[in-house]
PDB file of N, CA and C in Angstrom:
ATOM      1  N   UNK A   1     115.636  99.183 116.178  1.00  0.00           N
ATOM      2  CA  UNK A   1     115.090  98.668 114.918  1.00  0.00           C
ATOM      3  C   UNK A   1     116.149  98.389 113.852  1.00  0.00           C
ATOM      4  N   UNK A   2     116.332  97.394 113.214  1.00  0.00           N
ATOM      5  CA  UNK A   2     117.328  97.140 112.192  1.00  0.00           C
ATOM      6  C   UNK A   2     117.001  97.976 111.006  1.00  0.00           C
ATOM      7  N   UNK A   3     118.169  98.880 110.600  1.00  0.00           N
ATOM      8  CA  UNK A   3     118.006  99.523 109.270  1.00  0.00           C
ATOM      9  C   UNK A   3     117.820  98.587 108.114  1.00  0.00           C
ATOM     10  N   UNK A   4     117.169  99.188 107.173  1.00  0.00           N
ATOM     11  CA  UNK A   4     116.920  98.335 105.855  1.00  0.00           C
ATOM     12  C   UNK A   4     117.959  98.753 104.812  1.00  0.00           C
ATOM     13  N   UNK A   5     118.142  97.678 103.946  1.00  0.00           N
ATOM     14  CA  UNK A   5     119.067  97.989 102.771  1.00  0.00           C
ATOM     15  C   UNK A   5     118.444  98.729 101.678  1.00  0.00           C
ATOM     16  N   UNK A   6     119.240  99.532 101.171  1.00  0.00           N
ATOM     17  CA  UNK A   6     118.634 100.397  99.930  1.00  0.00           C
ATOM     18  C   UNK A   6     118.957  99.608  98.789  1.00  0.00           C
ATOM     19  N   UNK A   7     118.031  98.840  98.312  1.00  0.00           N
ATOM     20  CA  UNK A   7     118.152  97.955  97.093  1.00  0.00           C
ATOM     21  C   UNK A   7     117.440  98.683  95.954  1.00  0.00           C
ATOM     22  N   UNK A   8     117.739  98.193  94.702  1.00  0.00           N
ATOM     23  CA  UNK A   8     117.094  98.716  93.429  1.00  0.00           C
ATOM     24  C   UNK A   8     115.575  98.630  93.636  1.00  0.00           C
ATOM     25  N   UNK A   9     114.890  97.485  94.036  1.00  0.00           N
ATOM     26  CA  UNK A   9     113.568  97.296  94.183  1.00  0.00           C
ATOM     27  C   UNK A   9     112.971  98.343  95.298  1.00  0.00           C
ATOM     28  N   UNK A  10     113.759  98.572  96.497  1.00  0.00           N
ATOM     29  CA  UNK A  10     113.309  99.638  97.411  1.00  0.00           C
ATOM     30  C   UNK A  10     113.309 100.930  96.832  1.00  0.00           C
ATOM     31  N   UNK A  11     114.256 101.253  95.962  1.00  0.00           N
ATOM     32  CA  UNK A  11     114.238 102.596  95.310  1.00  0.00           C
ATOM     33  C   UNK A  11     113.143 102.695  94.409  1.00  0.00           C
ATOM     34  N   UNK A  12     112.825 101.734  93.637  1.00  0.00           N
ATOM     35  CA  UNK A  12     111.684 101.813  92.750  1.00  0.00           C
ATOM     36  C   UNK A  12     110.336 102.053  93.496  1.00  0.00           C
ATOM     37  N   UNK A  13     110.143 101.234  94.513  1.00  0.00           N
ATOM     38  CA  UNK A  13     108.900 101.479  95.346  1.00  0.00           C
ATOM     39  C   UNK A  13     108.909 102.911  96.000  1.00  0.00           C
ATOM     40  N   UNK A  14     110.037 103.384  96.501  1.00  0.00           N
ATOM     41  CA  UNK A  14     110.007 104.719  97.124  1.00  0.00           C
ATOM     42  C   UNK A  14     109.660 105.790  95.941  1.00  0.00           C
ATOM     43  N   UNK A  15     110.132 105.500  94.797  1.00  0.00           N
ATOM     44  CA  UNK A  15     109.891 106.543  93.711  1.00  0.00           C
ATOM     45  C   UNK A  15     108.464 106.598  93.389  1.00  0.00           C
ATOM     46  N   UNK A  16     107.824 105.353  93.387  1.00  0.00           N
ATOM     47  CA  UNK A  16     106.325 105.289  93.120  1.00  0.00           C
ATOM     48  C   UNK A  16     105.604 106.056  94.240  1.00  0.00           C
ATOM     49  N   UNK A  17     105.976 105.775  95.414  1.00  0.00           N
ATOM     50  CA  UNK A  17     105.282 106.312  96.593  1.00  0.00           C
ATOM     51  C   UNK A  17     105.448 107.859  96.583  1.00  0.00           C
ATOM     52  N   UNK A  18     106.621 108.340  96.262  1.00  0.00           N
ATOM     53  CA  UNK A  18     106.951 109.817  96.244  1.00  0.00           C
ATOM     54  C   UNK A  18     106.047 110.407  95.082  1.00  0.00           C
ATOM     55  N   UNK A  19     105.949 109.877  93.926  1.00  0.00           N
ATOM     56  CA  UNK A  19     105.210 110.469  92.901  1.00  0.00           C
ATOM     57  C   UNK A  19     103.678 110.415  93.240  1.00  0.00           C
ATOM     58  N   UNK A  20     103.213 109.392  93.937  1.00  0.00           N
ATOM     59  CA  UNK A  20     101.752 109.447  94.380  1.00  0.00           C
ATOM     60  C   UNK A  20     101.543 110.406  95.473  1.00  0.00           C
ATOM     61  N   UNK A  21     102.467 110.688  96.387  1.00  0.00           N
ATOM     62  CA  UNK A  21     102.398 111.667  97.395  1.00  0.00           C
ATOM     63  C   UNK A  21     102.342 113.134  96.732  1.00  0.00           C
ATOM     64  N   UNK A  22     103.295 113.267  95.695  1.00  0.00           N
ATOM     65  CA  UNK A  22     103.322 114.622  95.036  1.00  0.00           C
ATOM     66  C   UNK A  22     101.923 114.820  94.385  1.00  0.00           C
ATOM     67  N   UNK A  23     101.338 113.828  93.690  1.00  0.00           N
ATOM     68  CA  UNK A  23     100.226 113.966  92.986  1.00  0.00           C
ATOM     69  C   UNK A  23      98.888 113.943  93.938  1.00  0.00           C
ATOM     70  N   UNK A  24      99.168 113.554  95.098  1.00  0.00           N
ATOM     71  CA  UNK A  24      98.046 113.496  96.083  1.00  0.00           C
ATOM     72  C   UNK A  24      97.099 112.475  95.582  1.00  0.00           C
ATOM     73  N   UNK A  25      97.610 111.312  95.145  1.00  0.00           N
ATOM     74  CA  UNK A  25      96.807 110.199  94.530  1.00  0.00           C
ATOM     75  C   UNK A  25      96.921 108.993  95.483  1.00  0.00           C
ATOM     76  N   UNK A  26      95.922 108.411  96.046  1.00  0.00           N
ATOM     77  CA  UNK A  26      96.213 107.139  96.799  1.00  0.00           C
ATOM     78  C   UNK A  26      96.666 106.090  95.829  1.00  0.00           C
ATOM     79  N   UNK A  27      97.454 105.161  96.370  1.00  0.00           N
ATOM     80  CA  UNK A  27      98.024 104.136  95.545  1.00  0.00           C
ATOM     81  C   UNK A  27      97.875 102.808  96.246  1.00  0.00           C
ATOM     82  N   UNK A  28      97.574 101.794  95.741  1.00  0.00           N
ATOM     83  CA  UNK A  28      97.387 100.496  96.455  1.00  0.00           C
ATOM     84  C   UNK A  28      98.567  99.469  95.930  1.00  0.00           C
ATOM     85  N   UNK A  29      98.599  98.405  96.648  1.00  0.00           N
ATOM     86  CA  UNK A  29      99.738  97.470  96.446  1.00  0.00           C
ATOM     87  C   UNK A  29     100.080  96.963  95.079  1.00  0.00           C
ATOM     88  N   UNK A  30      98.971  96.521  94.369  1.00  0.00           N
ATOM     89  CA  UNK A  30      99.190  96.037  92.989  1.00  0.00           C
ATOM     90  C   UNK A  30      99.393  97.135  92.053  1.00  0.00           C
ATOM     91  N   UNK A  31      98.956  98.367  92.355  1.00  0.00           N
ATOM     92  CA  UNK A  31      99.344  99.531  91.545  1.00  0.00           C
ATOM     93  C   UNK A  31     100.921  99.866  91.646  1.00  0.00           C
ATOM     94  N   UNK A  32     101.304  99.722  92.912  1.00  0.00           N
ATOM     95  CA  UNK A  32     102.789 100.007  93.169  1.00  0.00           C
ATOM     96  C   UNK A  32     103.584  98.880  92.426  1.00  0.00           C
ATOM     97  N   UNK A  33     103.114  97.645  92.417  1.00  0.00           N
ATOM     98  CA  UNK A  33     103.803  96.547  91.612  1.00  0.00           C
ATOM     99  C   UNK A  33     103.830  96.927  90.130  1.00  0.00           C
ATOM    100  N   UNK A  34     102.743  97.328  89.653  1.00  0.00           N
ATOM    101  CA  UNK A  34     102.743  97.738  88.150  1.00  0.00           C
ATOM    102  C   UNK A  34     103.654  98.814  87.930  1.00  0.00           C
ATOM    103  N   UNK A  35     103.521  99.967  88.672  1.00  0.00           N
ATOM    104  CA  UNK A  35     104.323 101.071  88.377  1.00  0.00           C
ATOM    105  C   UNK A  35     105.787 100.904  88.531  1.00  0.00           C
ATOM    106  N   UNK A  36     106.191  99.999  89.608  1.00  0.00           N
ATOM    107  CA  UNK A  36     107.634  99.816  89.912  1.00  0.00           C
ATOM    108  C   UNK A  36     108.095  98.628  89.078  1.00  0.00           C
ATOM    109  N   UNK A  37     107.299  97.964  88.269  1.00  0.00           N
ATOM    110  CA  UNK A  37     107.568  96.812  87.437  1.00  0.00           C
ATOM    111  C   UNK A  37     108.136  95.743  88.415  1.00  0.00           C
ATOM    112  N   UNK A  38     107.564  95.353  89.517  1.00  0.00           N
ATOM    113  CA  UNK A  38     108.093  94.422  90.328  1.00  0.00           C
ATOM    114  C   UNK A  38     106.923  93.583  90.749  1.00  0.00           C
ATOM    115  N   UNK A  39     107.115  92.291  91.290  1.00  0.00           N
ATOM    116  CA  UNK A  39     106.150  91.419  91.548  1.00  0.00           C
ATOM    117  C   UNK A  39     105.766  91.621  93.019  1.00  0.00           C
ATOM    118  N   UNK A  40     104.530  91.110  93.494  1.00  0.00           N
ATOM    119  CA  UNK A  40     103.976  91.309  94.838  1.00  0.00           C
ATOM    120  C   UNK A  40     104.948  90.659  95.849  1.00  0.00           C
ATOM    121  N   UNK A  41     105.507  89.574  95.531  1.00  0.00           N
ATOM    122  CA  UNK A  41     106.499  88.947  96.479  1.00  0.00           C
ATOM    123  C   UNK A  41     107.684  89.829  96.774  1.00  0.00           C
ATOM    124  N   UNK A  42     107.967  90.848  95.880  1.00  0.00           N
ATOM    125  CA  UNK A  42     109.117  91.878  96.249  1.00  0.00           C
ATOM    126  C   UNK A  42     108.478  93.111  96.897  1.00  0.00           C
ATOM    127  N   UNK A  43     107.374  93.577  96.333  1.00  0.00           N
ATOM    128  CA  UNK A  43     106.791  94.899  96.862  1.00  0.00           C
ATOM    129  C   UNK A  43     106.183  94.782  98.269  1.00  0.00           C
ATOM    130  N   UNK A  44     105.483  93.821  98.596  1.00  0.00           N
ATOM    131  CA  UNK A  44     104.698  93.686  99.821  1.00  0.00           C
ATOM    132  C   UNK A  44     105.761  93.618 100.985  1.00  0.00           C
ATOM    133  N   UNK A  45     106.785  92.843 100.886  1.00  0.00           N
ATOM    134  CA  UNK A  45     107.807  92.884 102.018  1.00  0.00           C
ATOM    135  C   UNK A  45     108.378  94.191 102.222  1.00  0.00           C
ATOM    136  N   UNK A  46     108.706  94.954 101.096  1.00  0.00           N
ATOM    137  CA  UNK A  46     109.354  96.353 101.232  1.00  0.00           C
ATOM    138  C   UNK A  46     108.244  97.262 101.876  1.00  0.00           C
ATOM    139  N   UNK A  47     107.009  97.207 101.458  1.00  0.00           N
ATOM    140  CA  UNK A  47     105.948  98.025 102.167  1.00  0.00           C
ATOM    141  C   UNK A  47     105.923  97.830 103.529  1.00  0.00           C
ATOM    142  N   UNK A  48     106.079  96.390 103.868  1.00  0.00           N
ATOM    143  CA  UNK A  48     106.012  96.094 105.361  1.00  0.00           C
ATOM    144  C   UNK A  48     107.228  96.755 106.051  1.00  0.00           C
ATOM    145  N   UNK A  49     108.410  96.677 105.500  1.00  0.00           N
ATOM    146  CA  UNK A  49     109.640  97.175 106.238  1.00  0.00           C
ATOM    147  C   UNK A  49     109.388  98.733 106.287  1.00  0.00           C
ATOM    148  N   UNK A  50     108.990  99.315 105.275  1.00  0.00           N
ATOM    149  CA  UNK A  50     108.800 100.840 105.342  1.00  0.00           C
ATOM    150  C   UNK A  50     107.785 101.200 106.390  1.00  0.00           C
ATOM    151  N   UNK A  51     106.672 100.385 106.504  1.00  0.00           N
ATOM    152  CA  UNK A  51     105.734 100.655 107.556  1.00  0.00           C
ATOM    153  C   UNK A  51     106.194 100.464 108.856  1.00  0.00           C
ATOM    154  N   UNK A  52     107.069  99.361 109.143  1.00  0.00           N
ATOM    155  CA  UNK A  52     107.666  99.160 110.494  1.00  0.00           C
ATOM    156  C   UNK A  52     108.557 100.225 110.820  1.00  0.00           C
ATOM    157  N   UNK A  53     109.178 101.022 109.889  1.00  0.00           N
ATOM    158  CA  UNK A  53     110.059 102.051 110.148  1.00  0.00           C
ATOM    159  C   UNK A  53     109.265 103.465 110.301  1.00  0.00           C
ATOM    160  N   UNK A  54     108.068 103.546 110.003  1.00  0.00           N
ATOM    161  CA  UNK A  54     107.321 104.628 110.197  1.00  0.00           C
ATOM    162  C   UNK A  54     107.283 105.535 108.953  1.00  0.00           C
ATOM    163  N   UNK A  55     107.813 104.962 107.808  1.00  0.00           N
ATOM    164  CA  UNK A  55     107.859 105.826 106.584  1.00  0.00           C
ATOM    165  C   UNK A  55     106.546 105.689 105.686  1.00  0.00           C
ATOM    166  N   UNK A  56     105.799 104.653 105.979  1.00  0.00           N
ATOM    167  CA  UNK A  56     104.542 104.398 105.268  1.00  0.00           C
ATOM    168  C   UNK A  56     103.418 104.084 106.181  1.00  0.00           C
ATOM    169  N   UNK A  57     102.170 104.589 105.822  1.00  0.00           N
ATOM    170  CA  UNK A  57     100.944 104.133 106.536  1.00  0.00           C
ATOM    171  C   UNK A  57     100.094 103.325 105.429  1.00  0.00           C
ATOM    172  N   UNK A  58      99.147 102.620 105.851  1.00  0.00           N
ATOM    173  CA  UNK A  58      98.236 101.956 105.005  1.00  0.00           C
ATOM    174  C   UNK A  58      96.889 101.824 105.681  1.00  0.00           C
ATOM    175  N   UNK A  59      95.800 101.794 104.788  1.00  0.00           N
ATOM    176  CA  UNK A  59      94.498 101.562 105.271  1.00  0.00           C
ATOM    177  C   UNK A  59      93.692 100.903 104.198  1.00  0.00           C
ATOM    178  N   UNK A  60      92.755 100.062 104.438  1.00  0.00           N
ATOM    179  CA  UNK A  60      91.811  99.528 103.666  1.00  0.00           C
ATOM    180  C   UNK A  60      90.824 100.566 103.051  1.00  0.00           C
ATOM    181  N   UNK A  61      90.554 100.265 101.834  1.00  0.00           N
ATOM    182  CA  UNK A  61      89.462 101.286 101.239  1.00  0.00           C
ATOM    183  C   UNK A  61      88.085 101.099 102.001  1.00  0.00           C
ATOM    184  N   UNK A  62      87.437 102.107 102.187  1.00  0.00           N
ATOM    185  CA  UNK A  62      86.171 102.019 102.962  1.00  0.00           C
ATOM    186  C   UNK A  62      84.970 101.755 102.183  1.00  0.00           C
ATOM    187  N   UNK A  63      84.946 102.073 100.926  1.00  0.00           N
ATOM    188  CA  UNK A  63      83.919 101.992 100.015  1.00  0.00           C
ATOM    189  C   UNK A  63      84.228 101.417  98.597  1.00  0.00           C
ATOM    190  N   UNK A  64      84.542 100.121  98.661  1.00  0.00           N
ATOM    191  CA  UNK A  64      85.007  99.604  97.321  1.00  0.00           C
ATOM    192  C   UNK A  64      83.972  99.881  96.175  1.00  0.00           C
ATOM    193  N   UNK A  65      84.446 100.411  95.014  1.00  0.00           N
ATOM    194  CA  UNK A  65      83.644 100.606  94.019  1.00  0.00           C
ATOM    195  C   UNK A  65      84.017  99.902  92.748  1.00  0.00           C
ATOM    196  N   UNK A  66      84.690  98.773  92.992  1.00  0.00           N
ATOM    197  CA  UNK A  66      85.121  97.949  91.950  1.00  0.00           C
ATOM    198  C   UNK A  66      84.881  96.390  92.455  1.00  0.00           C
ATOM    199  N   UNK A  67      85.121  95.604  91.381  1.00  0.00           N
ATOM    200  CA  UNK A  67      84.889  94.132  91.564  1.00  0.00           C
ATOM    201  C   UNK A  67      86.156  93.576  92.226  1.00  0.00           C
ATOM    202  N   UNK A  68      86.146  92.682  93.006  1.00  0.00           N
ATOM    203  CA  UNK A  68      87.458  92.025  93.462  1.00  0.00           C
ATOM    204  C   UNK A  68      87.479  92.353  94.994  1.00  0.00           C
ATOM    205  N   UNK A  69      88.684  91.938  95.497  1.00  0.00           N
ATOM    206  CA  UNK A  69      88.981  92.128  97.008  1.00  0.00           C
ATOM    207  C   UNK A  69      89.177  93.631  97.369  1.00  0.00           C
ATOM    208  N   UNK A  70      88.916  93.862  98.633  1.00  0.00           N
ATOM    209  CA  UNK A  70      89.206  95.318  99.116  1.00  0.00           C
ATOM    210  C   UNK A  70      90.719  95.664  98.935  1.00  0.00           C
ATOM    211  N   UNK A  71      90.976  96.782  98.399  1.00  0.00           N
ATOM    212  CA  UNK A  71      92.206  97.262  98.234  1.00  0.00           C
ATOM    213  C   UNK A  71      92.908  97.893  99.589  1.00  0.00           C
ATOM    214  N   UNK A  72      94.204  97.754  99.699  1.00  0.00           N
ATOM    215  CA  UNK A  72      94.910  98.537 100.748  1.00  0.00           C
ATOM    216  C   UNK A  72      95.646  99.667 100.188  1.00  0.00           C
ATOM    217  N   UNK A  73      95.385 100.845 100.656  1.00  0.00           N
ATOM    218  CA  UNK A  73      96.143 102.020 100.075  1.00  0.00           C
ATOM    219  C   UNK A  73      97.264 102.311 100.925  1.00  0.00           C
ATOM    220  N   UNK A  74      98.363 102.683 100.347  1.00  0.00           N
ATOM    221  CA  UNK A  74      99.656 103.040 101.011  1.00  0.00           C
ATOM    222  C   UNK A  74     100.061 104.433 100.718  1.00  0.00           C
ATOM    223  N   UNK A  75     100.682 105.038 101.701  1.00  0.00           N
ATOM    224  CA  UNK A  75     100.979 106.527 101.549  1.00  0.00           C
ATOM    225  C   UNK A  75     102.192 106.840 102.382  1.00  0.00           C
ATOM    226  N   UNK A  76     103.108 107.618 101.901  1.00  0.00           N
ATOM    227  CA  UNK A  76     104.187 107.913 102.669  1.00  0.00           C
ATOM    228  C   UNK A  76     103.753 108.896 103.917  1.00  0.00           C
ATOM    229  N   UNK A  77     104.361 108.672 105.041  1.00  0.00           N
ATOM    230  CA  UNK A  77     104.097 109.629 106.057  1.00  0.00           C
ATOM    231  C   UNK A  77     105.002 110.912 105.956  1.00  0.00           C
ATOM    232  N   UNK A  78     104.799 112.040 106.639  1.00  0.00           N
ATOM    233  CA  UNK A  78     105.608 113.198 106.534  1.00  0.00           C
ATOM    234  C   UNK A  78     107.131 112.763 106.604  1.00  0.00           C
ATOM    235  N   UNK A  79     107.499 111.923 107.772  1.00  0.00           N
ATOM    236  CA  UNK A  79     108.782 111.391 107.926  1.00  0.00           C
ATOM    237  C   UNK A  79     109.265 110.672 106.740  1.00  0.00           C
ATOM    238  N   UNK A  80     108.482 109.725 106.240  1.00  0.00           N
ATOM    239  CA  UNK A  80     108.778 108.942 105.046  1.00  0.00           C
ATOM    240  C   UNK A  80     109.013 109.798 103.812  1.00  0.00           C
ATOM    241  N   UNK A  81     108.163 110.677 103.642  1.00  0.00           N
ATOM    242  CA  UNK A  81     108.331 111.576 102.411  1.00  0.00           C
ATOM    243  C   UNK A  81     109.653 112.241 102.431  1.00  0.00           C
ATOM    244  N   UNK A  82     109.971 112.878 103.612  1.00  0.00           N
ATOM    245  CA  UNK A  82     111.247 113.548 103.783  1.00  0.00           C
ATOM    246  C   UNK A  82     112.422 112.595 103.609  1.00  0.00           C
ATOM    247  N   UNK A  83     112.427 111.532 104.271  1.00  0.00           N
ATOM    248  CA  UNK A  83     113.528 110.488 104.289  1.00  0.00           C
ATOM    249  C   UNK A  83     113.755 109.969 102.985  1.00  0.00           C
ATOM    250  N   UNK A  84     112.609 109.528 102.277  1.00  0.00           N
ATOM    251  CA  UNK A  84     112.736 109.002 100.909  1.00  0.00           C
ATOM    252  C   UNK A  84     113.468 109.936  99.901  1.00  0.00           C
ATOM    253  N   UNK A  85     112.878 111.267 100.118  1.00  0.00           N
ATOM    254  CA  UNK A  85     113.344 112.290  99.191  1.00  0.00           C
ATOM    255  C   UNK A  85     114.925 112.459  99.463  1.00  0.00           C
ATOM    256  N   UNK A  86     115.266 112.392 100.638  1.00  0.00           N
ATOM    257  CA  UNK A  86     116.696 112.667 100.997  1.00  0.00           C
ATOM    258  C   UNK A  86     117.501 111.404 100.559  1.00  0.00           C
ATOM    259  N   UNK A  87     117.046 110.304 100.739  1.00  0.00           N
ATOM    260  CA  UNK A  87     117.833 109.061 100.322  1.00  0.00           C
ATOM    261  C   UNK A  87     117.908 109.079  98.702  1.00  0.00           C
ATOM    262  N   UNK A  88     116.920 109.311  98.057  1.00  0.00           N
ATOM    263  CA  UNK A  88     116.967 109.338  96.603  1.00  0.00           C
ATOM    264  C   UNK A  88     117.887 110.529  96.003  1.00  0.00           C
ATOM    265  N   UNK A  89     117.738 111.514  96.722  1.00  0.00           N
ATOM    266  CA  UNK A  89     118.632 112.744  96.285  1.00  0.00           C
ATOM    267  C   UNK A  89     119.992 112.500  96.586  1.00  0.00           C
ATOM    268  N   UNK A  90     120.310 111.837  97.646  1.00  0.00           N
ATOM    269  CA  UNK A  90     121.745 111.521  97.916  1.00  0.00           C
ATOM    270  C   UNK A  90     122.259 110.519  96.907  1.00  0.00           C
ATOM    271  N   UNK A  91     121.437 109.436  96.673  1.00  0.00           N
ATOM    272  CA  UNK A  91     121.833 108.417  95.701  1.00  0.00           C
ATOM    273  C   UNK A  91     122.116 109.046  94.381  1.00  0.00           C
ATOM    274  N   UNK A  92     121.151 109.828  93.865  1.00  0.00           N
ATOM    275  CA  UNK A  92     121.303 110.437  92.553  1.00  0.00           C
ATOM    276  C   UNK A  92     122.521 111.349  92.479  1.00  0.00           C
ATOM    277  N   UNK A  93     122.844 111.949  93.568  1.00  0.00           N
ATOM    278  CA  UNK A  93     123.984 112.920  93.705  1.00  0.00           C
ATOM    279  C   UNK A  93     125.275 112.000  93.626  1.00  0.00           C
ATOM    280  N   UNK A  94     125.393 110.944  94.354  1.00  0.00           N
ATOM    281  CA  UNK A  94     126.642 110.097  94.224  1.00  0.00           C
ATOM    282  C   UNK A  94     126.651 109.424  92.798  1.00  0.00           C
ATOM    283  N   UNK A  95     125.506 108.951  92.221  1.00  0.00           N
ATOM    284  CA  UNK A  95     125.584 108.435  90.958  1.00  0.00           C
ATOM    285  C   UNK A  95     126.057 109.457  89.990  1.00  0.00           C
ATOM    286  N   UNK A  96     125.626 110.676  89.968  1.00  0.00           N
ATOM    287  CA  UNK A  96     125.982 111.699  88.994  1.00  0.00           C
ATOM    288  C   UNK A  96     127.571 111.975  89.203  1.00  0.00           C
ATOM    289  N   UNK A  97     128.054 112.114  90.415  1.00  0.00           N
ATOM    290  CA  UNK A  97     129.545 112.319  90.736  1.00  0.00           C
ATOM    291  C   UNK A  97     130.409 111.329  90.241  1.00  0.00           C
ATOM    292  N   UNK A  98     129.941 110.118  90.260  1.00  0.00           N
ATOM    293  CA  UNK A  98     130.734 108.966  89.759  1.00  0.00           C
ATOM    294  C   UNK A  98     130.445 108.585  88.299  1.00  0.00           C
ATOM    295  N   UNK A  99     129.468 109.422  87.604  1.00  0.00           N
ATOM    296  CA  UNK A  99     129.320 109.057  86.286  1.00  0.00           C
ATOM    297  C   UNK A  99     128.603 107.731  86.053  1.00  0.00           C
ATOM    298  N   UNK A 100     127.800 107.150  87.001  1.00  0.00           N
ATOM    299  CA  UNK A 100     127.110 105.837  86.972  1.00  0.00           C
ATOM    300  C   UNK A 100     125.963 106.133  86.021  1.00  0.00           C
ATOM    301  N   UNK A 101     125.609 105.221  85.226  1.00  0.00           N
ATOM    302  CA  UNK A 101     124.501 105.240  84.284  1.00  0.00           C
ATOM    303  C   UNK A 101     123.484 104.357  84.930  1.00  0.00           C
ATOM    304  N   UNK A 102     122.190 104.834  85.316  1.00  0.00           N
ATOM    305  CA  UNK A 102     121.182 103.927  85.893  1.00  0.00           C
ATOM    306  C   UNK A 102     120.624 102.880  84.866  1.00  0.00           C
ATOM    307  N   UNK A 103     120.319 101.679  85.397  1.00  0.00           N
ATOM    308  CA  UNK A 103     119.754 100.729  84.573  1.00  0.00           C
ATOM    309  C   UNK A 103     118.353 100.587  84.897  1.00  0.00           C
ATOM    310  N   UNK A 104     117.502 101.271  84.250  1.00  0.00           N
ATOM    311  CA  UNK A 104     115.973 101.177  84.557  1.00  0.00           C
ATOM    312  C   UNK A 104     115.441 101.908  85.821  1.00  0.00           C
ATOM    313  N   UNK A 105     116.392 102.566  86.575  1.00  0.00           N
ATOM    314  CA  UNK A 105     115.880 103.341  87.653  1.00  0.00           C
ATOM    315  C   UNK A 105     116.237 104.858  87.434  1.00  0.00           C
TER     316      UNK A 105
END
């Protein structure tokens, strides 16, 4: 399997998924878009890559209690939770060592 690139949008999506996992709150695609401040054309391909690598699982809601299409909920797997936390921790550590100032992340 081809490794994925760690881009700013990927980091933003991972942060949203980690926060949702920590709060034990299910999150759906458009909610991730809103929280990460990214469009669906960016977020959904990232979710697909994370799913293909086993970091994320998804499922459709079983009992929609809202108007509109059925939502698909996304959640980090245990592997994804650990890997995302490791990646973000390493990135933050490198950023701090080099004195980089994050732009929006």
